[in-house]
Amino acid sequence: MNRSLFAQSFRAQIICGLLVAFATAGLTSCHSSNYLAYKFPTFTFANRPIPPSLLANRVMVGVTANGGTTGSLQILDAKRDIRSNVENTRTSFSISGYASGFPNLILNFPAEITGFVYSSAKGDVQIVNYGKESVTGSAGTFPALSTGLAIPTNAGHIYSAEESIGQLAVIDNTTGQSYPLVLPNVFQVVVNQGDTVVLAMVRNSNTIYRLVKLNSNQYPTSTAAIAAIGAADCQPFNLPVYCIVPVNTGSHANAFDRPTGAYFSLDGTAAYVLNCGQECGGTTSSVTYLQPGVLEYNKIPTAVPDASAFANQVLVPGGVTAAVSNGTTLYVSGQQLQPDGLFAGNLSTISLATNTVTGKYSISDGNHSKMLFADDNTLWIGSQFCATGERASRAAQEIAANQPTDQSANYNCLTRFDMGALTVSIVPAVTQSSTSPVPVPFPNTNQNQYYYGDLTGLCWVQNFHKVYTAYGGQVHAFNTVDGSEINNVNIIVQGTALDVAYMDAVTDADN
């Protein structure tokens, strides 16, 4: 062979070999990267099991379809904001064994690696094992729609307020028995973390009730039990086990004004009753402090009325329907009646050192039901029916006059509050100006270019500077740094998103 041709052939072989080597290295590197993406440490946080999906930062989404007849629990990779794996060999992840329609409420307990999902279509509560990513059984079924559901962290009991039949249901998992307590118009129930205080609220009433558990064979008949402790009802009728008793506030006759819920302090020393006031047809919104020690289920009344649980009361002109605390400040959200007859949303801050309102800030209108802290020293507040409030009305007037302002024209249902700068922003940011309009960033089931719709689910993806939401029937994620929306094209679910929960939070308190 000609030496020149041989040299050229040899060089060509070397180049081909190098190209093959580089290509192989590239493929190996890609595979290694994907593998490392799902590689868990030898010792996982709190010894939590490695889930089948191999996802370490999961958001569970309650999804309904076909008019609410079918439902599913989808899992999203909240670290990468995708619904598939990196290799795209699995296009989606879900909780196996779940089939109930309209899963509209997720009670999330990441520290216990467990979640409870309520379906308002079927009226049942399913137990979800986060480690196995599967349903492990039913926690109970109720005879009517639950308007309020409460489960303590130990899952020793399940409490359900069923307004349509006037019943407070108690499922006692310690004995396997259920107790239907009659309480007309009961619509809400709350329980503290220790499962020692259970409070029930009645629609259009200024009375709240607490649950009492009687000692074994304490009373021979239910009639004697009811008379002895002033209870509204005791069950079962013969040899009662549970009773519901009005909460006494002593000489403070106006301590409650359309109470809509309660929030328990982080140290367990106070129960803050949220008095809705005018927003719920009452007179004055406020927060009433109660002493939990008097309210415990094993504190059986010895006289009628019961011992007074009243500790303090703080009037909150801005309105109160939801609350959250960082230990030093109680943040409450609600609505205040305006001169034109509409309501306007407000966030109020209450100093727990002085028990006084220290600030009031204008936020999204609507019925506020979601509040949580997140990264970057932010507080997020979600509501429903925002398009019926003061902001939407003002926006319509200003648009008609061709003079919309950024804040009034934005009547969406999510608020980001910067707790350091004490500033408010409505999320997403929109402007309905005729010259330079800024619509919502992504399509939504509400089919409105300036309004996503109700916010029904909210969770904080810890340490990733983001929150996930079920917003207007679809999944939307936002950056906590500035409130900007993350492109949701790869986290959209098929169906209507009803609720979200971060399954891998460090503690239960972060949800």
Protein backbone atom coordinates (compact mmCIF):
# COMPACT_ATOMS: atom_id res chain seq x y z
CA MET A 1 0.00 0.00 0.00
CA ASN A 2 1.14 3.54 -0.74
CA ARG A 3 2.65 5.09 2.41
CA SER A 4 0.64 8.24 1.98
CA LEU A 5 -2.60 6.31 1.62
CA PHE A 6 -1.67 4.15 4.62
CA ALA A 7 -1.02 7.26 6.74
CA GLN A 8 -4.31 8.80 5.69
CA SER A 9 -6.16 5.56 6.49
CA PHE A 10 -4.45 5.30 9.86
CA ARG A 11 -5.30 8.89 10.74
CA ALA A 12 -8.92 8.30 9.68
CA GLN A 13 -9.14 5.26 11.98
CA ILE A 14 -7.76 7.25 14.89
CA ILE A 15 -10.24 10.08 14.29
CA CYS A 16 -13.15 7.61 14.02
CA GLY A 17 -12.01 5.93 17.21
CA LEU A 18 -11.85 9.25 19.02
CA LEU A 19 -15.31 10.21 17.77
CA VAL A 20 -16.75 6.90 18.99
CA ALA A 21 -15.00 7.37 22.33
CA PHE A 22 -16.35 10.91 22.73
CA ALA A 23 -19.84 9.81 21.74
CA THR A 24 -19.73 6.93 24.22
CA ALA A 25 -18.43 9.23 26.94
CA GLY A 26 -21.20 11.68 26.14
CA LEU A 27 -23.87 9.01 26.42
CA THR A 28 -22.33 7.65 29.60
CA SER A 29 -22.17 11.15 31.05
CA CYS A 30 -25.82 11.76 30.16
CA HIS A 31 -26.86 8.50 31.73
CA SER A 32 -24.77 9.22 34.82
CA SER A 33 -26.35 12.66 35.10
CA ASN A 34 -29.84 11.21 34.94
CA TYR A 35 -28.92 8.52 37.41
CA LEU A 36 -27.45 11.02 39.82
CA ALA A 37 -30.59 13.13 39.45
CA TYR A 38 -32.53 10.38 41.21
CA LYS A 39 -29.79 9.13 43.51
CA PHE A 40 -30.74 9.24 47.20
CA PRO A 41 -28.19 9.49 50.02
CA THR A 42 -27.31 6.38 51.98
CA PHE A 43 -29.13 7.81 54.99
CA THR A 44 -32.30 9.65 53.96
CA PHE A 45 -33.77 12.55 55.94
CA ALA A 46 -35.52 11.24 59.08
CA ASN A 47 -35.02 7.74 57.66
CA ARG A 48 -37.80 8.31 55.15
CA PRO A 49 -38.24 5.54 52.58
CA ILE A 50 -37.20 6.03 48.95
CA PRO A 51 -40.44 6.27 46.94
CA PRO A 52 -41.10 4.22 43.79
CA SER A 53 -41.01 7.38 41.63
CA LEU A 54 -37.47 8.17 42.86
CA LEU A 55 -38.57 11.80 43.17
CA ALA A 56 -37.25 13.60 46.24
CA ASN A 57 -39.38 16.75 45.99
CA ARG A 58 -42.95 15.79 45.22
CA VAL A 59 -46.11 17.83 44.97
CA MET A 60 -49.32 15.80 45.06
CA VAL A 61 -52.26 17.22 43.11
CA GLY A 62 -55.91 16.29 43.66
CA VAL A 63 -57.42 16.11 40.16
CA THR A 64 -61.01 15.55 39.04
CA ALA A 65 -62.38 14.79 35.58
CA ASN A 66 -65.59 13.85 33.78
CA GLY A 67 -67.71 16.24 35.77
CA GLY A 68 -66.37 15.05 39.12
CA THR A 69 -67.21 11.37 38.62
CA THR A 70 -63.56 10.33 38.46
CA GLY A 71 -60.51 11.51 40.34
CA SER A 72 -56.80 10.91 40.68
CA LEU A 73 -53.80 12.01 42.72
CA GLN A 74 -51.01 13.12 40.40
CA ILE A 75 -47.37 13.56 41.47
CA LEU A 76 -45.17 16.34 40.09
CA ASP A 77 -41.41 16.76 40.33
CA ALA A 78 -41.35 20.13 42.08
CA LYS A 79 -37.56 20.44 41.91
CA ARG A 80 -37.51 20.39 38.09
CA ASP A 81 -41.11 21.52 37.48
CA ILE A 82 -42.01 18.51 35.33
CA ARG A 83 -44.62 15.76 35.44
CA SER A 84 -42.34 13.12 33.88
CA ASN A 85 -38.92 11.78 34.76
CA VAL A 86 -35.80 13.37 33.28
CA GLU A 87 -35.36 10.62 30.69
CA ASN A 88 -39.05 10.95 29.76
CA THR A 89 -39.38 7.19 29.96
CA ARG A 90 -42.27 7.75 32.38
CA THR A 91 -44.59 10.51 31.25
CA SER A 92 -46.43 10.85 34.56
CA PHE A 93 -46.56 9.69 38.18
CA SER A 94 -49.58 9.12 40.40
CA ILE A 95 -50.78 7.59 43.67
CA SER A 96 -51.77 4.03 42.91
CA GLY A 97 -55.12 2.70 44.07
CA TYR A 98 -56.93 6.06 44.23
CA ALA A 99 -60.22 6.27 42.36
CA SER A 100 -62.62 8.51 44.30
CA GLY A 101 -64.08 11.45 42.39
CA PHE A 102 -63.47 15.11 43.23
CA PRO A 103 -60.52 14.86 45.68
CA ASN A 104 -60.87 18.46 46.86
CA LEU A 105 -59.04 18.37 50.21
CA ILE A 106 -55.59 17.00 51.08
CA LEU A 107 -54.59 16.85 54.74
CA ASN A 108 -50.81 16.58 54.51
CA PHE A 109 -48.59 14.96 57.19
CA PRO A 110 -45.10 14.62 55.67
CA ALA A 111 -43.46 13.93 59.04
CA GLU A 112 -45.67 10.85 59.34
CA ILE A 113 -45.17 10.04 55.61
CA THR A 114 -48.94 10.04 55.33
CA GLY A 115 -51.72 12.03 53.75
CA PHE A 116 -55.49 11.95 54.02
CA VAL A 117 -57.55 12.84 50.95
CA TYR A 118 -61.23 13.72 51.17
CA SER A 119 -63.55 13.28 48.20
CA SER A 120 -66.68 15.42 48.29
CA ALA A 121 -68.15 13.26 45.50
CA LYS A 122 -67.91 10.02 47.45
CA GLY A 123 -67.77 11.44 50.97
CA ASP A 124 -64.81 9.26 51.95
CA VAL A 125 -61.33 9.82 53.36
CA GLN A 126 -58.54 7.75 51.81
CA ILE A 127 -55.17 7.15 53.49
CA VAL A 128 -52.11 7.73 51.28
CA ASN A 129 -48.73 6.19 52.13
CA TYR A 130 -46.07 8.60 50.86
CA GLY A 131 -43.31 6.02 51.00
CA LYS A 132 -45.20 3.55 48.81
CA GLU A 133 -47.06 6.23 46.81
CA SER A 134 -50.25 4.24 47.16
CA VAL A 135 -53.59 4.22 48.95
CA THR A 136 -53.46 1.93 51.98
CA GLY A 137 -57.14 2.01 52.88
CA SER A 138 -60.12 4.08 53.88
CA ALA A 139 -60.08 6.22 57.00
CA GLY A 140 -63.87 6.50 56.99
CA THR A 141 -66.98 7.47 55.05
CA PHE A 142 -69.53 10.07 56.08
CA PRO A 143 -73.30 10.07 55.43
CA ALA A 144 -73.30 13.66 54.11
CA LEU A 145 -70.98 16.23 52.56
CA SER A 146 -68.27 17.32 54.99
CA THR A 147 -68.08 21.11 55.20
CA GLY A 148 -65.27 20.93 57.73
CA LEU A 149 -62.75 18.12 58.30
CA ALA A 150 -60.10 17.88 61.01
CA ILE A 151 -57.48 15.18 61.63
CA PRO A 152 -54.73 15.46 64.29
CA THR A 153 -51.16 14.44 63.50
CA ASN A 154 -51.51 11.12 65.33
CA ALA A 155 -54.67 10.30 63.31
CA GLY A 156 -56.28 8.99 66.48
CA HIS A 157 -59.59 10.56 65.48
CA ILE A 158 -61.31 12.03 62.45
CA TYR A 159 -63.77 14.87 62.99
CA SER A 160 -66.29 15.91 60.35
CA ALA A 161 -68.83 18.76 60.34
CA GLU A 162 -71.80 17.86 58.13
CA GLU A 163 -73.94 20.95 57.85
CA SER A 164 -76.71 19.52 55.65
CA ILE A 165 -77.75 16.98 58.29
CA GLY A 166 -76.62 18.95 61.37
CA GLN A 167 -74.12 16.38 62.55
CA LEU A 168 -70.64 16.42 64.05
CA ALA A 169 -69.18 12.99 63.32
CA VAL A 170 -66.40 11.54 65.43
CA ILE A 171 -64.48 8.51 64.16
CA ASP A 172 -62.48 7.15 67.08
CA ASN A 173 -59.63 5.12 65.60
CA THR A 174 -58.48 4.11 69.08
CA THR A 175 -61.65 2.03 69.54
CA GLY A 176 -62.87 1.60 65.96
CA GLN A 177 -66.21 3.23 66.81
CA SER A 178 -68.09 6.17 65.27
CA TYR A 179 -70.25 8.70 67.09
CA PRO A 180 -72.74 10.99 65.26
CA LEU A 181 -73.40 14.00 67.50
CA VAL A 182 -76.43 16.14 66.66
CA LEU A 183 -75.53 19.82 66.25
CA PRO A 184 -77.81 21.75 63.84
CA ASN A 185 -76.01 23.95 61.27
CA VAL A 186 -72.51 22.87 62.33
CA PHE A 187 -70.20 23.74 59.44
CA GLN A 188 -66.64 23.77 60.78
CA VAL A 189 -64.49 21.77 63.17
CA VAL A 190 -60.87 22.21 64.27
CA VAL A 191 -58.48 20.16 66.41
CA ASN A 192 -55.14 21.01 68.00
CA GLN A 193 -51.98 19.07 67.20
CA GLY A 194 -52.14 17.06 70.40
CA ASP A 195 -55.74 15.95 69.73
CA THR A 196 -56.84 17.27 73.12
CA VAL A 197 -59.01 20.23 72.06
CA VAL A 198 -61.80 19.97 69.48
CA LEU A 199 -63.95 23.01 68.66
CA ALA A 200 -67.04 23.13 66.43
CA MET A 201 -68.59 26.23 64.82
CA VAL A 202 -72.27 26.71 63.92
CA ARG A 203 -73.45 28.68 60.89
CA ASN A 204 -74.97 32.14 61.65
CA SER A 205 -74.38 31.67 65.35
CA ASN A 206 -72.27 33.32 68.05
CA THR A 207 -71.83 30.07 69.96
CA ILE A 208 -69.06 27.52 69.56
CA TYR A 209 -68.87 24.05 71.10
CA ARG A 210 -66.16 21.83 72.46
CA LEU A 211 -65.95 18.05 72.48
CA VAL A 212 -65.99 16.20 75.80
CA LYS A 213 -65.16 12.55 76.36
CA LEU A 214 -66.86 11.05 79.39
CA ASN A 215 -65.23 8.62 81.75
CA SER A 216 -66.29 5.00 81.48
CA ASN A 217 -69.74 4.46 83.03
CA GLN A 218 -69.74 7.99 84.41
CA TYR A 219 -73.44 8.49 83.75
CA PRO A 220 -76.09 5.76 83.66
CA THR A 221 -78.15 7.42 80.89
CA SER A 222 -77.65 10.06 78.23
CA THR A 223 -80.41 12.20 79.76
CA ALA A 224 -78.47 12.39 83.00
CA ALA A 225 -75.25 13.15 81.12
CA ILE A 226 -76.77 15.98 79.09
CA ALA A 227 -78.41 17.54 82.14
CA ALA A 228 -75.29 17.24 84.27
CA ILE A 229 -72.91 19.04 81.92
CA GLY A 230 -75.25 21.22 79.84
CA ALA A 231 -74.43 19.40 76.60
CA ALA A 232 -76.19 19.92 73.28
CA ASP A 233 -75.98 16.18 72.61
CA CYS A 234 -74.29 13.03 73.87
CA GLN A 235 -73.72 9.77 72.02
CA PRO A 236 -74.49 6.93 72.13
CA PHE A 237 -77.87 7.50 73.72
CA ASN A 238 -77.30 4.90 76.42
CA LEU A 239 -73.99 5.03 78.26
CA PRO A 240 -72.68 8.06 76.29
CA VAL A 241 -69.02 8.38 75.40
CA TYR A 242 -68.83 11.79 73.67
CA CYS A 243 -70.72 15.03 74.28
CA ILE A 244 -70.63 18.52 72.80
CA VAL A 245 -70.75 21.42 75.24
CA PRO A 246 -71.08 25.18 74.61
CA VAL A 247 -67.85 27.09 75.25
CA ASN A 248 -68.38 29.56 78.09
CA THR A 249 -66.69 32.98 78.07
CA GLY A 250 -68.04 34.20 81.41
CA SER A 251 -69.00 37.86 81.50
CA HIS A 252 -67.69 38.46 77.96
CA ALA A 253 -71.02 38.13 76.17
CA ASN A 254 -69.69 39.41 72.84
CA ALA A 255 -66.61 37.22 72.74
CA PHE A 256 -67.81 35.47 69.57
CA ASP A 257 -69.22 37.07 66.44
CA ARG A 258 -69.90 34.58 63.65
CA PRO A 259 -66.84 32.43 64.47
CA THR A 260 -65.59 30.66 61.36
CA GLY A 261 -62.59 28.72 62.67
CA ALA A 262 -59.72 28.67 65.15
CA TYR A 263 -55.93 28.65 65.03
CA PHE A 264 -53.84 27.12 67.82
CA SER A 265 -50.67 28.88 68.98
CA LEU A 266 -47.35 27.19 68.24
CA ASP A 267 -46.58 26.74 71.94
CA GLY A 268 -50.04 25.35 72.70
CA THR A 269 -50.93 28.05 75.23
CA ALA A 270 -53.75 29.70 73.30
CA ALA A 271 -56.57 28.98 70.91
CA TYR A 272 -57.34 31.93 68.64
CA VAL A 273 -61.00 31.93 67.58
CA LEU A 274 -61.50 33.71 64.25
CA ASN A 275 -64.60 35.89 64.41
CA CYS A 276 -65.74 36.67 60.88
CA GLY A 277 -68.06 39.55 61.83
CA GLN A 278 -69.70 41.50 59.01
CA GLU A 279 -68.29 39.29 56.26
CA CYS A 280 -70.40 36.44 57.64
CA GLY A 281 -73.48 38.48 58.56
CA GLY A 282 -72.31 39.54 62.00
CA THR A 283 -71.22 42.85 63.48
CA THR A 284 -67.56 42.99 64.51
CA SER A 285 -64.58 40.93 63.37
CA SER A 286 -62.03 39.99 66.00
CA VAL A 287 -59.74 37.32 67.39
CA THR A 288 -60.75 35.82 70.73
CA TYR A 289 -58.06 34.15 72.81
CA LEU A 290 -59.16 31.04 74.71
CA GLN A 291 -57.33 28.95 77.32
CA PRO A 292 -56.78 25.45 75.86
CA GLY A 293 -56.45 23.91 79.31
CA VAL A 294 -60.11 24.63 80.03
CA LEU A 295 -61.16 23.26 76.63
CA GLU A 296 -59.49 19.85 76.76
CA TYR A 297 -61.79 16.91 76.02
CA ASN A 298 -61.08 15.30 79.42
CA LYS A 299 -62.13 18.44 81.34
CA ILE A 300 -65.70 17.39 82.07
CA PRO A 301 -67.94 20.25 83.24
CA THR A 302 -69.03 20.01 86.85
CA ALA A 303 -71.55 22.83 86.64
CA VAL A 304 -73.70 24.66 84.10
CA PRO A 305 -72.44 26.86 82.53
CA ASP A 306 -69.00 25.40 81.98
CA ALA A 307 -65.88 27.08 83.38
CA SER A 308 -64.92 30.23 81.46
CA ALA A 309 -62.21 29.75 78.82
CA PHE A 310 -61.91 33.43 77.91
CA ALA A 311 -58.42 34.99 77.99
CA ASN A 312 -58.44 38.06 75.71
CA GLN A 313 -59.99 39.63 72.62
CA VAL A 314 -58.48 41.79 69.86
CA LEU A 315 -60.76 43.72 67.51
CA VAL A 316 -59.65 43.48 63.86
CA PRO A 317 -61.44 46.00 61.60
CA GLY A 318 -59.92 44.47 58.45
CA GLY A 319 -61.76 41.17 58.83
CA VAL A 320 -60.85 37.67 60.00
CA THR A 321 -61.41 34.29 58.30
CA ALA A 322 -57.91 32.71 58.26
CA ALA A 323 -54.75 32.96 60.36
CA VAL A 324 -51.15 31.84 60.68
CA SER A 325 -48.42 32.71 63.19
CA ASN A 326 -44.62 32.72 63.35
CA GLY A 327 -44.63 32.80 67.15
CA THR A 328 -44.36 36.55 67.59
CA THR A 329 -46.97 37.85 65.13
CA LEU A 330 -50.41 36.56 64.26
CA TYR A 331 -51.28 37.23 60.62
CA VAL A 332 -55.01 37.24 59.88
CA SER A 333 -56.81 37.73 56.57
CA GLY A 334 -60.40 38.66 55.87
CA GLN A 335 -62.64 41.30 54.31
CA GLN A 336 -64.00 44.65 55.40
CA LEU A 337 -67.35 46.07 54.28
CA GLN A 338 -66.99 49.15 52.05
CA PRO A 339 -69.40 52.11 51.67
CA ASP A 340 -70.60 50.77 48.30
CA GLY A 341 -71.74 47.51 49.91
CA LEU A 342 -68.88 45.36 48.55
CA PHE A 343 -66.08 43.76 50.54
CA ALA A 344 -62.35 44.45 50.27
CA GLY A 345 -59.63 42.02 51.32
CA ASN A 346 -57.16 42.87 54.09
CA LEU A 347 -54.22 41.37 55.88
CA SER A 348 -53.85 42.44 59.52
CA THR A 349 -50.86 41.83 61.79
CA ILE A 350 -51.33 41.30 65.52
CA SER A 351 -48.43 41.53 67.96
CA LEU A 352 -48.61 38.58 70.36
CA ALA A 353 -46.51 40.54 72.87
CA THR A 354 -48.93 43.48 73.13
CA ASN A 355 -52.10 41.87 71.68
CA THR A 356 -52.69 44.83 69.41
CA VAL A 357 -53.16 45.27 65.66
CA THR A 358 -49.88 46.65 64.33
CA GLY A 359 -50.60 46.82 60.60
CA LYS A 360 -53.30 46.57 57.93
CA TYR A 361 -52.63 45.89 54.25
CA SER A 362 -54.89 45.68 51.20
CA ILE A 363 -54.81 42.20 49.61
CA SER A 364 -56.92 40.09 47.24
CA ASP A 365 -60.65 40.15 47.83
CA GLY A 366 -62.75 37.03 48.33
CA ASN A 367 -63.15 34.36 50.96
CA HIS A 368 -59.66 33.86 52.40
CA SER A 369 -58.93 30.27 53.37
CA LYS A 370 -55.24 29.62 52.58
CA MET A 371 -52.25 31.14 54.38
CA LEU A 372 -48.66 29.90 54.60
CA PHE A 373 -45.11 31.10 55.00
CA ALA A 374 -42.51 30.44 52.30
CA ASP A 375 -38.92 31.20 51.33
CA ASP A 376 -37.53 34.72 51.06
CA ASN A 377 -39.42 35.93 54.13
CA THR A 378 -42.77 35.84 52.35
CA LEU A 379 -46.35 35.09 53.34
CA TRP A 380 -48.82 33.79 50.74
CA ILE A 381 -52.60 34.17 51.00
CA GLY A 382 -55.19 32.47 48.80
CA SER A 383 -58.91 33.12 48.42
CA GLN A 384 -61.99 32.33 46.35
CA PHE A 385 -64.70 34.46 44.65
CA CYS A 386 -62.30 37.38 44.17
CA ALA A 387 -64.18 38.73 41.14
CA THR A 388 -67.13 39.69 43.36
CA GLY A 389 -65.22 42.17 45.53
CA GLU A 390 -64.17 45.79 45.57
CA ARG A 391 -61.15 45.35 43.30
CA ALA A 392 -63.16 43.83 40.43
CA SER A 393 -65.81 46.54 40.74
CA ARG A 394 -63.22 49.31 40.73
CA ALA A 395 -61.43 47.70 37.80
CA ALA A 396 -64.64 47.66 35.76
CA GLN A 397 -65.23 51.33 36.48
CA GLU A 398 -61.67 52.35 35.63
CA ILE A 399 -61.58 50.26 32.46
CA ALA A 400 -64.84 51.89 31.35
CA ALA A 401 -63.16 55.26 31.90
CA ASN A 402 -59.97 53.98 30.24
CA GLN A 403 -57.98 54.74 33.40
CA PRO A 404 -57.10 51.40 35.04
CA THR A 405 -54.34 51.25 37.65
CA ASP A 406 -52.11 48.24 38.18
CA GLN A 407 -53.44 47.22 41.59
CA SER A 408 -57.17 47.92 41.24
CA ALA A 409 -57.32 46.29 37.81
CA ASN A 410 -55.80 43.10 39.21
CA TYR A 411 -58.43 41.16 41.12
CA ASN A 412 -56.76 37.73 41.14
CA CYS A 413 -56.96 35.44 44.17
CA LEU A 414 -53.33 35.06 45.30
CA THR A 415 -51.38 37.57 47.40
CA ARG A 416 -47.64 37.65 48.10
CA PHE A 417 -46.72 39.62 51.23
CA ASP A 418 -43.08 40.58 51.83
CA MET A 419 -42.76 40.44 55.61
CA GLY A 420 -39.51 42.42 55.58
CA ALA A 421 -40.47 45.26 53.26
CA LEU A 422 -44.15 45.06 54.33
CA THR A 423 -45.30 45.22 50.71
CA VAL A 424 -48.18 43.48 48.92
CA SER A 425 -48.39 42.16 45.37
CA ILE A 426 -51.33 40.42 43.70
CA VAL A 427 -50.17 37.34 41.79
CA PRO A 428 -49.96 37.02 38.86
CA ALA A 429 -49.27 40.65 37.97
CA VAL A 430 -51.71 41.89 35.32
CA THR A 431 -52.62 45.27 33.87
CA GLN A 432 -55.80 45.95 31.91
CA SER A 433 -54.61 49.20 30.40
CA SER A 434 -55.76 49.83 26.82
CA THR A 435 -52.29 51.04 25.78
CA SER A 436 -50.04 48.33 27.25
CA PRO A 437 -52.13 45.48 28.72
CA VAL A 438 -50.36 42.66 30.61
CA PRO A 439 -52.56 39.53 30.73
CA VAL A 440 -52.06 36.41 32.86
CA PRO A 441 -48.98 34.51 31.65
CA PHE A 442 -50.54 31.14 30.83
CA PRO A 443 -53.87 29.66 29.68
CA ASN A 444 -56.35 28.75 32.40
CA THR A 445 -59.60 26.87 32.73
CA ASN A 446 -61.40 30.09 33.62
CA GLN A 447 -60.81 31.27 30.02
CA ASN A 448 -60.09 34.81 31.21
CA GLN A 449 -56.96 36.60 30.05
CA TYR A 450 -56.80 38.72 33.21
CA TYR A 451 -58.18 36.41 35.91
CA TYR A 452 -57.20 32.86 36.85
CA GLY A 453 -60.19 32.16 39.10
CA ASP A 454 -60.45 30.66 42.59
CA LEU A 455 -57.34 29.54 44.44
CA THR A 456 -58.24 26.21 46.08
CA GLY A 457 -54.80 24.76 46.84
CA LEU A 458 -51.49 26.20 48.07
CA CYS A 459 -48.22 24.62 49.21
CA TRP A 460 -44.64 25.71 49.86
CA VAL A 461 -41.83 23.77 48.17
CA GLN A 462 -39.26 24.34 50.89
CA ASN A 463 -35.83 25.75 50.08
CA PHE A 464 -36.54 25.88 46.33
CA HIS A 465 -37.94 29.42 46.40
CA LYS A 466 -41.31 28.47 44.99
CA VAL A 467 -44.93 27.77 45.85
CA TYR A 468 -47.31 25.50 43.97
CA THR A 469 -51.02 26.21 43.65
CA ALA A 470 -54.29 24.81 42.40
CA TYR A 471 -55.39 28.05 40.82
CA GLY A 472 -58.44 28.39 38.62
CA GLY A 473 -58.58 24.63 38.15
CA GLN A 474 -54.98 24.20 36.98
CA VAL A 475 -51.50 23.93 38.51
CA HIS A 476 -49.53 27.18 38.63
CA ALA A 477 -46.16 27.67 40.34
CA PHE A 478 -44.59 30.94 41.45
CA ASN A 479 -41.17 32.19 42.51
CA THR A 480 -41.07 33.39 46.10
CA VAL A 481 -38.28 35.88 45.30
CA ASP A 482 -40.45 38.19 43.20
CA GLY A 483 -43.82 36.49 42.66
CA SER A 484 -43.17 35.78 38.98
CA GLU A 485 -44.82 32.71 37.52
CA ILE A 486 -42.82 29.64 36.52
CA ASN A 487 -43.70 28.26 33.10
CA ASN A 488 -46.33 25.63 33.85
CA VAL A 489 -46.35 23.87 30.48
CA ASN A 490 -44.73 20.76 31.98
CA ILE A 491 -46.79 20.61 35.19
CA ILE A 492 -50.26 20.96 33.67
CA VAL A 493 -52.59 18.12 34.67
CA GLN A 494 -55.33 16.52 32.61
CA GLY A 495 -58.52 17.48 34.40
CA THR A 496 -59.28 20.09 37.06
CA ALA A 497 -56.71 20.65 39.81
CA LEU A 498 -58.45 20.99 43.19
CA ASP A 499 -55.71 20.90 45.84
CA VAL A 500 -51.92 20.56 46.18
CA ALA A 501 -49.60 19.33 48.94
CA TYR A 502 -45.82 19.16 49.28
CA MET A 503 -45.20 15.55 50.27
CA ASP A 504 -41.53 15.99 51.23
CA ALA A 505 -41.71 18.92 53.64
CA VAL A 506 -39.43 18.79 56.67
CA THR A 507 -42.26 19.05 59.22
CA ASP A 508 -46.06 19.06 59.32
CA ALA A 509 -45.99 22.72 60.34
CA ASP A 510 -44.73 23.73 56.90
CA ASN A 511 -47.99 22.82 55.16
